[in-house]
Amino acid sequence: MLKERYYSTVEYADRYGKTNKELHLYCEIGKKPTIGDFIEAFQKIGLDLELNDFVNLTFKPRRPLASTVISVKVLRTIKDHTYRPTGSDMEASHRTGTR
């Protein structure tokens, strides 16, 4: 399945202050990132977060006492128009089933 890449700038608030980091999201072609895509991306980097504020896209840890992160806020998300899928995703899309 082919996917598109999005860059998202997120603000991490932890016990030491706030920092901005870049997060990569991959979505099916023609679809925009959803809340589930963000939660999945956070899980891939080792954060167990849940949505706290839908309007501001703020996430908080499910177990706050076990996490150094206080909150994560999505600041902006943009599509990467230069991204070209490679490898098995690209090969599978070019198969026609005939020889």
PDB file of N, CA and C in Angstrom:
ATOM      1  N   MET A   1       0.845  -1.173   0.000  1.00  0.00           N
ATOM      2  CA  MET A   1       0.000   0.000   0.000  1.00  0.00           C
ATOM      3  C   MET A   1       0.893   1.240   0.000  1.00  0.00           C
ATOM      4  N   LEU A   2       0.625   2.141  -0.915  1.00  0.00           N
ATOM      5  CA  LEU A   2       1.401   3.376  -1.002  1.00  0.00           C
ATOM      6  C   LEU A   2       0.959   4.358   0.068  1.00  0.00           C
ATOM      7  N   LYS A   3       1.910   5.111   0.554  1.00  0.00           N
ATOM      8  CA  LYS A   3       1.610   6.087   1.598  1.00  0.00           C
ATOM      9  C   LYS A   3       2.246   7.423   1.270  1.00  0.00           C
ATOM     10  N   GLU A   4       1.684   8.469   1.852  1.00  0.00           N
ATOM     11  CA  GLU A   4       2.241   9.812   1.740  1.00  0.00           C
ATOM     12  C   GLU A   4       2.846  10.188   3.086  1.00  0.00           C
ATOM     13  N   ARG A   5       3.875  11.024   3.038  1.00  0.00           N
ATOM     14  CA  ARG A   5       4.537  11.430   4.281  1.00  0.00           C
ATOM     15  C   ARG A   5       4.149  12.865   4.621  1.00  0.00           C
ATOM     16  N   TYR A   6       3.930  13.080   5.909  1.00  0.00           N
ATOM     17  CA  TYR A   6       3.647  14.410   6.445  1.00  0.00           C
ATOM     18  C   TYR A   6       4.678  14.720   7.515  1.00  0.00           C
ATOM     19  N   TYR A   7       5.078  15.979   7.584  1.00  0.00           N
ATOM     20  CA  TYR A   7       5.935  16.456   8.665  1.00  0.00           C
ATOM     21  C   TYR A   7       5.061  17.203   9.651  1.00  0.00           C
ATOM     22  N   SER A   8       5.263  16.925  10.910  1.00  0.00           N
ATOM     23  CA  SER A   8       4.498  17.614  11.936  1.00  0.00           C
ATOM     24  C   SER A   8       5.476  18.192  12.957  1.00  0.00           C
ATOM     25  N   THR A   9       5.292  19.447  13.298  1.00  0.00           N
ATOM     26  CA  THR A   9       6.090  20.077  14.343  1.00  0.00           C
ATOM     27  C   THR A   9       5.292  19.982  15.634  1.00  0.00           C
ATOM     28  N   VAL A  10       5.894  19.347  16.635  1.00  0.00           N
ATOM     29  CA  VAL A  10       5.208  19.159  17.911  1.00  0.00           C
ATOM     30  C   VAL A  10       6.018  19.789  19.038  1.00  0.00           C
ATOM     31  N   GLU A  11       5.316  20.268  20.032  1.00  0.00           N
ATOM     32  CA  GLU A  11       5.941  20.888  21.198  1.00  0.00           C
ATOM     33  C   GLU A  11       5.862  19.907  22.363  1.00  0.00           C
ATOM     34  N   TYR A  12       7.021  19.477  22.842  1.00  0.00           N
ATOM     35  CA  TYR A  12       7.103  18.571  23.983  1.00  0.00           C
ATOM     36  C   TYR A  12       7.307  19.393  25.247  1.00  0.00           C
ATOM     37  N   ALA A  13       6.431  19.218  26.215  1.00  0.00           N
ATOM     38  CA  ALA A  13       6.607  19.858  27.521  1.00  0.00           C
ATOM     39  C   ALA A  13       6.968  18.755  28.508  1.00  0.00           C
ATOM     40  N   ASP A  14       8.151  18.886  29.108  1.00  0.00           N
ATOM     41  CA  ASP A  14       8.560  17.922  30.130  1.00  0.00           C
ATOM     42  C   ASP A  14       8.966  18.677  31.386  1.00  0.00           C
ATOM     43  N   ARG A  15       9.567  17.977  32.307  1.00  0.00           N
ATOM     44  CA  ARG A  15       9.917  18.591  33.599  1.00  0.00           C
ATOM     45  C   ARG A  15      11.008  19.645  33.478  1.00  0.00           C
ATOM     46  N   TYR A  16      11.686  19.678  32.346  1.00  0.00           N
ATOM     47  CA  TYR A  16      12.804  20.607  32.167  1.00  0.00           C
ATOM     48  C   TYR A  16      12.462  21.800  31.284  1.00  0.00           C
ATOM     49  N   GLY A  17      11.275  21.818  30.707  1.00  0.00           N
ATOM     50  CA  GLY A  17      10.874  22.923  29.839  1.00  0.00           C
ATOM     51  C   GLY A  17      10.175  22.420  28.592  1.00  0.00           C
ATOM     52  N   LYS A  18      10.166  23.261  27.560  1.00  0.00           N
ATOM     53  CA  LYS A  18       9.501  22.918  26.306  1.00  0.00           C
ATOM     54  C   LYS A  18      10.513  22.879  25.171  1.00  0.00           C
ATOM     55  N   THR A  19      10.325  21.926  24.269  1.00  0.00           N
ATOM     56  CA  THR A  19      11.159  21.827  23.077  1.00  0.00           C
ATOM     57  C   THR A  19      10.275  21.485  21.882  1.00  0.00           C
ATOM     58  N   ASN A  20      10.671  21.957  20.715  1.00  0.00           N
ATOM     59  CA  ASN A  20       9.967  21.620  19.481  1.00  0.00           C
ATOM     60  C   ASN A  20      10.753  20.549  18.743  1.00  0.00           C
ATOM     61  N   LYS A  21      10.036  19.555  18.237  1.00  0.00           N
ATOM     62  CA  LYS A  21      10.657  18.476  17.478  1.00  0.00           C
ATOM     63  C   LYS A  21       9.819  18.177  16.251  1.00  0.00           C
ATOM     64  N   GLU A  22      10.440  17.506  15.293  1.00  0.00           N
ATOM     65  CA  GLU A  22       9.753  17.118  14.068  1.00  0.00           C
ATOM     66  C   GLU A  22       9.339  15.657  14.163  1.00  0.00           C
ATOM     67  N   LEU A  23       8.130  15.380  13.712  1.00  0.00           N
ATOM     68  CA  LEU A  23       7.578  14.032  13.745  1.00  0.00           C
ATOM     69  C   LEU A  23       7.143  13.674  12.326  1.00  0.00           C
ATOM     70  N   HIS A  24       7.433  12.448  11.881  1.00  0.00           N
ATOM     71  CA  HIS A  24       7.021  12.002  10.551  1.00  0.00           C
ATOM     72  C   HIS A  24       5.773  11.151  10.690  1.00  0.00           C
ATOM     73  N   LEU A  25       4.782  11.425   9.843  1.00  0.00           N
ATOM     74  CA  LEU A  25       3.548  10.647   9.803  1.00  0.00           C
ATOM     75  C   LEU A  25       3.388  10.074   8.408  1.00  0.00           C
ATOM     76  N   TYR A  26       2.878   8.858   8.316  1.00  0.00           N
ATOM     77  CA  TYR A  26       2.623   8.231   7.027  1.00  0.00           C
ATOM     78  C   TYR A  26       1.147   7.872   6.944  1.00  0.00           C
ATOM     79  N   CYS A  27       0.482   8.351   5.875  1.00  0.00           N
ATOM     80  CA  CYS A  27      -0.950   8.133   5.682  1.00  0.00           C
ATOM     81  C   CYS A  27      -1.184   7.559   4.293  1.00  0.00           C
ATOM     82  N   GLU A  28      -2.334   6.921   4.126  1.00  0.00           N
ATOM     83  CA  GLU A  28      -2.701   6.421   2.811  1.00  0.00           C
ATOM     84  C   GLU A  28      -2.824   7.595   1.844  1.00  0.00           C
ATOM     85  N   ILE A  29      -2.558   7.322   0.583  1.00  0.00           N
ATOM     86  CA  ILE A  29      -2.628   8.376  -0.432  1.00  0.00           C
ATOM     87  C   ILE A  29      -4.042   8.944  -0.481  1.00  0.00           C
ATOM     88  N   GLY A  30      -4.126  10.266  -0.492  1.00  0.00           N
ATOM     89  CA  GLY A  30      -5.404  10.950  -0.565  1.00  0.00           C
ATOM     90  C   GLY A  30      -6.051  11.226   0.779  1.00  0.00           C
ATOM     91  N   LYS A  31      -5.438  10.761   1.866  1.00  0.00           N
ATOM     92  CA  LYS A  31      -5.996  10.985   3.199  1.00  0.00           C
ATOM     93  C   LYS A  31      -5.070  11.875   4.010  1.00  0.00           C
ATOM     94  N   LYS A  32      -5.648  12.618   4.919  1.00  0.00           N
ATOM     95  CA  LYS A  32      -4.876  13.483   5.810  1.00  0.00           C
ATOM     96  C   LYS A  32      -4.679  12.775   7.147  1.00  0.00           C
ATOM     97  N   PRO A  33      -3.656  13.161   7.919  1.00  0.00           N
ATOM     98  CA  PRO A  33      -3.408  12.515   9.209  1.00  0.00           C
ATOM     99  C   PRO A  33      -4.600  12.655  10.161  1.00  0.00           C
ATOM    100  N   THR A  34      -4.869  11.578  10.878  1.00  0.00           N
ATOM    101  CA  THR A  34      -5.944  11.557  11.864  1.00  0.00           C
ATOM    102  C   THR A  34      -5.349  11.498  13.266  1.00  0.00           C
ATOM    103  N   ILE A  35      -6.209  11.588  14.264  1.00  0.00           N
ATOM    104  CA  ILE A  35      -5.764  11.462  15.657  1.00  0.00           C
ATOM    105  C   ILE A  35      -5.072  10.113  15.854  1.00  0.00           C
ATOM    106  N   GLY A  36      -5.622   9.070  15.258  1.00  0.00           N
ATOM    107  CA  GLY A  36      -5.024   7.740  15.359  1.00  0.00           C
ATOM    108  C   GLY A  36      -3.628   7.679  14.765  1.00  0.00           C
ATOM    109  N   ASP A  37      -3.403   8.405  13.677  1.00  0.00           N
ATOM    110  CA  ASP A  37      -2.066   8.445  13.069  1.00  0.00           C
ATOM    111  C   ASP A  37      -1.059   9.100  14.010  1.00  0.00           C
ATOM    112  N   PHE A  38      -1.489  10.162  14.695  1.00  0.00           N
ATOM    113  CA  PHE A  38      -0.600  10.816  15.658  1.00  0.00           C
ATOM    114  C   PHE A  38      -0.288   9.881  16.827  1.00  0.00           C
ATOM    115  N   ILE A  39      -1.313   9.224  17.367  1.00  0.00           N
ATOM    116  CA  ILE A  39      -1.101   8.314  18.498  1.00  0.00           C
ATOM    117  C   ILE A  39      -0.173   7.173  18.089  1.00  0.00           C
ATOM    118  N   GLU A  40      -0.355   6.640  16.879  1.00  0.00           N
ATOM    119  CA  GLU A  40       0.516   5.574  16.381  1.00  0.00           C
ATOM    120  C   GLU A  40       1.958   6.058  16.236  1.00  0.00           C
ATOM    121  N   ALA A  41       2.146   7.271  15.725  1.00  0.00           N
ATOM    122  CA  ALA A  41       3.495   7.831  15.573  1.00  0.00           C
ATOM    123  C   ALA A  41       4.150   8.037  16.937  1.00  0.00           C
ATOM    124  N   PHE A  42       3.379   8.492  17.923  1.00  0.00           N
ATOM    125  CA  PHE A  42       3.922   8.661  19.272  1.00  0.00           C
ATOM    126  C   PHE A  42       4.315   7.314  19.868  1.00  0.00           C
ATOM    127  N   GLN A  43       3.508   6.280  19.637  1.00  0.00           N
ATOM    128  CA  GLN A  43       3.829   4.952  20.156  1.00  0.00           C
ATOM    129  C   GLN A  43       5.110   4.413  19.537  1.00  0.00           C
ATOM    130  N   LYS A  44       5.346   4.714  18.264  1.00  0.00           N
ATOM    131  CA  LYS A  44       6.565   4.250  17.595  1.00  0.00           C
ATOM    132  C   LYS A  44       7.820   4.850  18.215  1.00  0.00           C
ATOM    133  N   ILE A  45       7.700   6.045  18.806  1.00  0.00           N
ATOM    134  CA  ILE A  45       8.866   6.657  19.447  1.00  0.00           C
ATOM    135  C   ILE A  45       8.858   6.435  20.961  1.00  0.00           C
ATOM    136  N   GLY A  46       7.954   5.561  21.427  1.00  0.00           N
ATOM    137  CA  GLY A  46       7.972   5.161  22.830  1.00  0.00           C
ATOM    138  C   GLY A  46       7.123   5.983  23.774  1.00  0.00           C
ATOM    139  N   LEU A  47       6.173   6.763  23.256  1.00  0.00           N
ATOM    140  CA  LEU A  47       5.300   7.563  24.116  1.00  0.00           C
ATOM    141  C   LEU A  47       3.891   6.984  24.105  1.00  0.00           C
ATOM    142  N   ASP A  48       3.334   6.741  25.283  1.00  0.00           N
ATOM    143  CA  ASP A  48       1.968   6.237  25.416  1.00  0.00           C
ATOM    144  C   ASP A  48       1.074   7.415  25.784  1.00  0.00           C
ATOM    145  N   LEU A  49       0.506   8.067  24.753  1.00  0.00           N
ATOM    146  CA  LEU A  49      -0.263   9.295  24.959  1.00  0.00           C
ATOM    147  C   LEU A  49      -1.714   9.099  24.563  1.00  0.00           C
ATOM    148  N   GLU A  50      -2.572   9.970  25.101  1.00  0.00           N
ATOM    149  CA  GLU A  50      -3.972  10.013  24.706  1.00  0.00           C
ATOM    150  C   GLU A  50      -4.360  11.459  24.454  1.00  0.00           C
ATOM    151  N   LEU A  51      -5.376  11.659  23.632  1.00  0.00           N
ATOM    152  CA  LEU A  51      -5.824  13.002  23.285  1.00  0.00           C
ATOM    153  C   LEU A  51      -6.460  13.665  24.496  1.00  0.00           C
ATOM    154  N   ASN A  52      -6.003  14.871  24.814  1.00  0.00           N
ATOM    155  CA  ASN A  52      -6.530  15.622  25.948  1.00  0.00           C
ATOM    156  C   ASN A  52      -7.401  16.783  25.479  1.00  0.00           C
ATOM    157  N   ASP A  53      -6.983  17.474  24.419  1.00  0.00           N
ATOM    158  CA  ASP A  53      -7.707  18.636  23.908  1.00  0.00           C
ATOM    159  C   ASP A  53      -7.768  18.537  22.384  1.00  0.00           C
ATOM    160  N   PHE A  54      -8.969  18.269  21.856  1.00  0.00           N
ATOM    161  CA  PHE A  54      -9.136  18.064  20.417  1.00  0.00           C
ATOM    162  C   PHE A  54      -8.860  19.336  19.621  1.00  0.00           C
ATOM    163  N   VAL A  55      -9.354  20.470  20.082  1.00  0.00           N
ATOM    164  CA  VAL A  55      -9.222  21.727  19.343  1.00  0.00           C
ATOM    165  C   VAL A  55      -7.757  22.127  19.189  1.00  0.00           C
ATOM    166  N   ASN A  56      -6.974  22.003  20.248  1.00  0.00           N
ATOM    167  CA  ASN A  56      -5.560  22.391  20.219  1.00  0.00           C
ATOM    168  C   ASN A  56      -4.617  21.228  19.923  1.00  0.00           C
ATOM    169  N   LEU A  57      -5.163  20.037  19.678  1.00  0.00           N
ATOM    170  CA  LEU A  57      -4.376  18.821  19.446  1.00  0.00           C
ATOM    171  C   LEU A  57      -3.290  18.648  20.504  1.00  0.00           C
ATOM    172  N   THR A  58      -3.714  18.600  21.745  1.00  0.00           N
ATOM    173  CA  THR A  58      -2.808  18.392  22.866  1.00  0.00           C
ATOM    174  C   THR A  58      -3.001  16.975  23.400  1.00  0.00           C
ATOM    175  N   PHE A  59      -1.886  16.279  23.572  1.00  0.00           N
ATOM    176  CA  PHE A  59      -1.894  14.910  24.068  1.00  0.00           C
ATOM    177  C   PHE A  59      -1.209  14.875  25.424  1.00  0.00           C
ATOM    178  N   LYS A  60      -1.692  13.988  26.305  1.00  0.00           N
ATOM    179  CA  LYS A  60      -1.079  13.811  27.624  1.00  0.00           C
ATOM    180  C   LYS A  60      -0.798  12.330  27.841  1.00  0.00           C
ATOM    181  N   PRO A  61       0.162  12.010  28.702  1.00  0.00           N
ATOM    182  CA  PRO A  61       0.494  10.601  28.956  1.00  0.00           C
ATOM    183  C   PRO A  61      -0.658   9.870  29.643  1.00  0.00           C
ATOM    184  N   ARG A  62      -0.815   8.597  29.300  1.00  0.00           N
ATOM    185  CA  ARG A  62      -1.837   7.776  29.954  1.00  0.00           C
ATOM    186  C   ARG A  62      -1.464   7.522  31.412  1.00  0.00           C
ATOM    187  N   ARG A  63      -0.168   7.389  31.670  1.00  0.00           N
ATOM    188  CA  ARG A  63       0.327   7.191  33.041  1.00  0.00           C
ATOM    189  C   ARG A  63       1.295   8.328  33.352  1.00  0.00           C
ATOM    190  N   PRO A  64       0.789   9.455  33.841  1.00  0.00           N
ATOM    191  CA  PRO A  64       1.642  10.640  34.032  1.00  0.00           C
ATOM    192  C   PRO A  64       2.786  10.442  35.022  1.00  0.00           C
ATOM    193  N   LEU A  65       2.600   9.633  36.040  1.00  0.00           N
ATOM    194  CA  LEU A  65       3.660   9.445  37.034  1.00  0.00           C
ATOM    195  C   LEU A  65       4.831   8.635  36.484  1.00  0.00           C
ATOM    196  N   ALA A  66       4.584   7.833  35.455  1.00  0.00           N
ATOM    197  CA  ALA A  66       5.636   6.996  34.881  1.00  0.00           C
ATOM    198  C   ALA A  66       6.316   7.648  33.681  1.00  0.00           C
ATOM    199  N   SER A  67       5.913   8.863  33.323  1.00  0.00           N
ATOM    200  CA  SER A  67       6.445   9.518  32.129  1.00  0.00           C
ATOM    201  C   SER A  67       7.128  10.831  32.485  1.00  0.00           C
ATOM    202  N   THR A  68       8.193  11.140  31.764  1.00  0.00           N
ATOM    203  CA  THR A  68       8.846  12.438  31.959  1.00  0.00           C
ATOM    204  C   THR A  68       8.152  13.528  31.150  1.00  0.00           C
ATOM    205  N   VAL A  69       7.343  13.127  30.166  1.00  0.00           N
ATOM    206  CA  VAL A  69       6.616  14.080  29.326  1.00  0.00           C
ATOM    207  C   VAL A  69       5.346  14.523  30.040  1.00  0.00           C
ATOM    208  N   ILE A  70       5.108  15.833  30.055  1.00  0.00           N
ATOM    209  CA  ILE A  70       3.889  16.376  30.662  1.00  0.00           C
ATOM    210  C   ILE A  70       2.791  16.482  29.611  1.00  0.00           C
ATOM    211  N   SER A  71       3.137  17.009  28.432  1.00  0.00           N
ATOM    212  CA  SER A  71       2.167  17.107  27.339  1.00  0.00           C
ATOM    213  C   SER A  71       2.897  17.252  26.010  1.00  0.00           C
ATOM    214  N   VAL A  72       2.169  16.942  24.939  1.00  0.00           N
ATOM    215  CA  VAL A  72       2.676  17.095  23.582  1.00  0.00           C
ATOM    216  C   VAL A  72       1.590  17.811  22.788  1.00  0.00           C
ATOM    217  N   LYS A  73       1.967  18.909  22.140  1.00  0.00           N
ATOM    218  CA  LYS A  73       1.009  19.705  21.373  1.00  0.00           C
ATOM    219  C   LYS A  73       1.453  19.767  19.916  1.00  0.00           C
ATOM    220  N   VAL A  74       0.542  19.456  19.007  1.00  0.00           N
ATOM    221  CA  VAL A  74       0.835  19.532  17.577  1.00  0.00           C
ATOM    222  C   VAL A  74       0.708  20.988  17.152  1.00  0.00           C
ATOM    223  N   LEU A  75       1.796  21.562  16.658  1.00  0.00           N
ATOM    224  CA  LEU A  75       1.796  22.962  16.244  1.00  0.00           C
ATOM    225  C   LEU A  75       1.382  23.129  14.786  1.00  0.00           C
ATOM    226  N   ARG A  76       1.937  22.293  13.900  1.00  0.00           N
ATOM    227  CA  ARG A  76       1.572  22.364  12.480  1.00  0.00           C
ATOM    228  C   ARG A  76       1.939  21.042  11.810  1.00  0.00           C
ATOM    229  N   THR A  77       1.247  20.772  10.716  1.00  0.00           N
ATOM    230  CA  THR A  77       1.494  19.568   9.931  1.00  0.00           C
ATOM    231  C   THR A  77       1.443  19.935   8.455  1.00  0.00           C
ATOM    232  N   ILE A  78       2.482  19.519   7.716  1.00  0.00           N
ATOM    233  CA  ILE A  78       2.525  19.808   6.285  1.00  0.00           C
ATOM    234  C   ILE A  78       2.863  18.533   5.519  1.00  0.00           C
ATOM    235  N   LYS A  79       2.390  18.474   4.293  1.00  0.00           N
ATOM    236  CA  LYS A  79       2.647  17.323   3.435  1.00  0.00           C
ATOM    237  C   LYS A  79       4.020  17.457   2.788  1.00  0.00           C
ATOM    238  N   ASP A  80       4.741  16.349   2.719  1.00  0.00           N
ATOM    239  CA  ASP A  80       6.041  16.312   2.054  1.00  0.00           C
ATOM    240  C   ASP A  80       5.810  15.961   0.587  1.00  0.00           C
ATOM    241  N   HIS A  81       5.850  16.952  -0.285  1.00  0.00           N
ATOM    242  CA  HIS A  81       5.599  16.733  -1.708  1.00  0.00           C
ATOM    243  C   HIS A  81       6.796  16.113  -2.423  1.00  0.00           C
ATOM    244  N   THR A  82       7.949  16.040  -1.768  1.00  0.00           N
ATOM    245  CA  THR A  82       9.133  15.453  -2.388  1.00  0.00           C
ATOM    246  C   THR A  82       9.268  13.966  -2.078  1.00  0.00           C
ATOM    247  N   TYR A  83       8.439  13.424  -1.193  1.00  0.00           N
ATOM    248  CA  TYR A  83       8.545  12.027  -0.764  1.00  0.00           C
ATOM    249  C   TYR A  83       8.091  11.089  -1.874  1.00  0.00           C
ATOM    250  N   ARG A  84       8.930  10.107  -2.184  1.00  0.00           N
ATOM    251  CA  ARG A  84       8.601   9.065  -3.154  1.00  0.00           C
ATOM    252  C   ARG A  84       8.797   7.720  -2.470  1.00  0.00           C
ATOM    253  N   PRO A  85       7.730   6.923  -2.335  1.00  0.00           N
ATOM    254  CA  PRO A  85       7.875   5.615  -1.689  1.00  0.00           C
ATOM    255  C   PRO A  85       8.835   4.726  -2.471  1.00  0.00           C
ATOM    256  N   THR A  86       9.607   3.918  -1.757  1.00  0.00           N
ATOM    257  CA  THR A  86      10.542   2.996  -2.391  1.00  0.00           C
ATOM    258  C   THR A  86      10.376   1.624  -1.773  1.00  0.00           C
ATOM    259  N   GLY A  87      11.050   0.655  -2.346  1.00  0.00           N
ATOM    260  CA  GLY A  87      11.052  -0.678  -1.769  1.00  0.00           C
ATOM    261  C   GLY A  87       9.801  -1.461  -2.097  1.00  0.00           C
ATOM    262  N   SER A  88       9.351  -2.284  -1.151  1.00  0.00           N
ATOM    263  CA  SER A  88       8.243  -3.204  -1.393  1.00  0.00           C
ATOM    264  C   SER A  88       6.933  -2.483  -1.660  1.00  0.00           C
ATOM    265  N   ASP A  89       6.726  -1.305  -1.076  1.00  0.00           N
ATOM    266  CA  ASP A  89       5.497  -0.555  -1.338  1.00  0.00           C
ATOM    267  C   ASP A  89       5.412  -0.176  -2.806  1.00  0.00           C
ATOM    268  N   MET A  90       6.506   0.309  -3.364  1.00  0.00           N
ATOM    269  CA  MET A  90       6.515   0.749  -4.751  1.00  0.00           C
ATOM    270  C   MET A  90       6.398  -0.453  -5.684  1.00  0.00           C
ATOM    271  N   GLU A  91       7.103  -1.548  -5.388  1.00  0.00           N
ATOM    272  CA  GLU A  91       7.063  -2.724  -6.244  1.00  0.00           C
ATOM    273  C   GLU A  91       5.664  -3.325  -6.278  1.00  0.00           C
ATOM    274  N   ALA A  92       5.002  -3.375  -5.150  1.00  0.00           N
ATOM    275  CA  ALA A  92       3.666  -3.955  -5.091  1.00  0.00           C
ATOM    276  C   ALA A  92       2.676  -3.138  -5.904  1.00  0.00           C
ATOM    277  N   SER A  93       2.862  -1.844  -5.975  1.00  0.00           N
ATOM    278  CA  SER A  93       1.916  -0.999  -6.702  1.00  0.00           C
ATOM    279  C   SER A  93       2.055  -1.146  -8.213  1.00  0.00           C
ATOM    280  N   HIS A  94       3.210  -1.627  -8.694  1.00  0.00           N
ATOM    281  CA  HIS A  94       3.434  -1.745 -10.128  1.00  0.00           C
ATOM    282  C   HIS A  94       3.098  -3.136 -10.659  1.00  0.00           C
ATOM    283  N   ARG A  95       2.708  -4.049  -9.805  1.00  0.00           N
ATOM    284  CA  ARG A  95       2.356  -5.389 -10.262  1.00  0.00           C
ATOM    285  C   ARG A  95       0.989  -5.352 -10.935  1.00  0.00           C
ATOM    286  N   THR A  96       0.901  -5.997 -12.075  1.00  0.00           N
ATOM    287  CA  THR A  96      -0.369  -6.008 -12.800  1.00  0.00           C
ATOM    288  C   THR A  96      -1.040  -7.365 -12.748  1.00  0.00           C
ATOM    289  N   GLY A  97      -0.313  -8.390 -12.352  1.00  0.00           N
ATOM    290  CA  GLY A  97      -0.889  -9.727 -12.293  1.00  0.00           C
ATOM    291  C   GLY A  97      -0.741 -10.490 -13.601  1.00  0.00           C
ATOM    292  N   THR A  98      -0.202  -9.858 -14.638  1.00  0.00           N
ATOM    293  CA  THR A  98       0.020 -10.535 -15.918  1.00  0.00           C
ATOM    294  C   THR A  98       1.506 -10.532 -16.233  1.00  0.00           C
ATOM    295  N   ARG A  99       1.916 -11.457 -17.079  1.00  0.00           N
ATOM    296  CA  ARG A  99       3.328 -11.538 -17.468  1.00  0.00           C
ATOM    297  C   ARG A  99       3.454 -11.489 -18.948  1.00  0.00           C
TER     298      ARG A  99
END
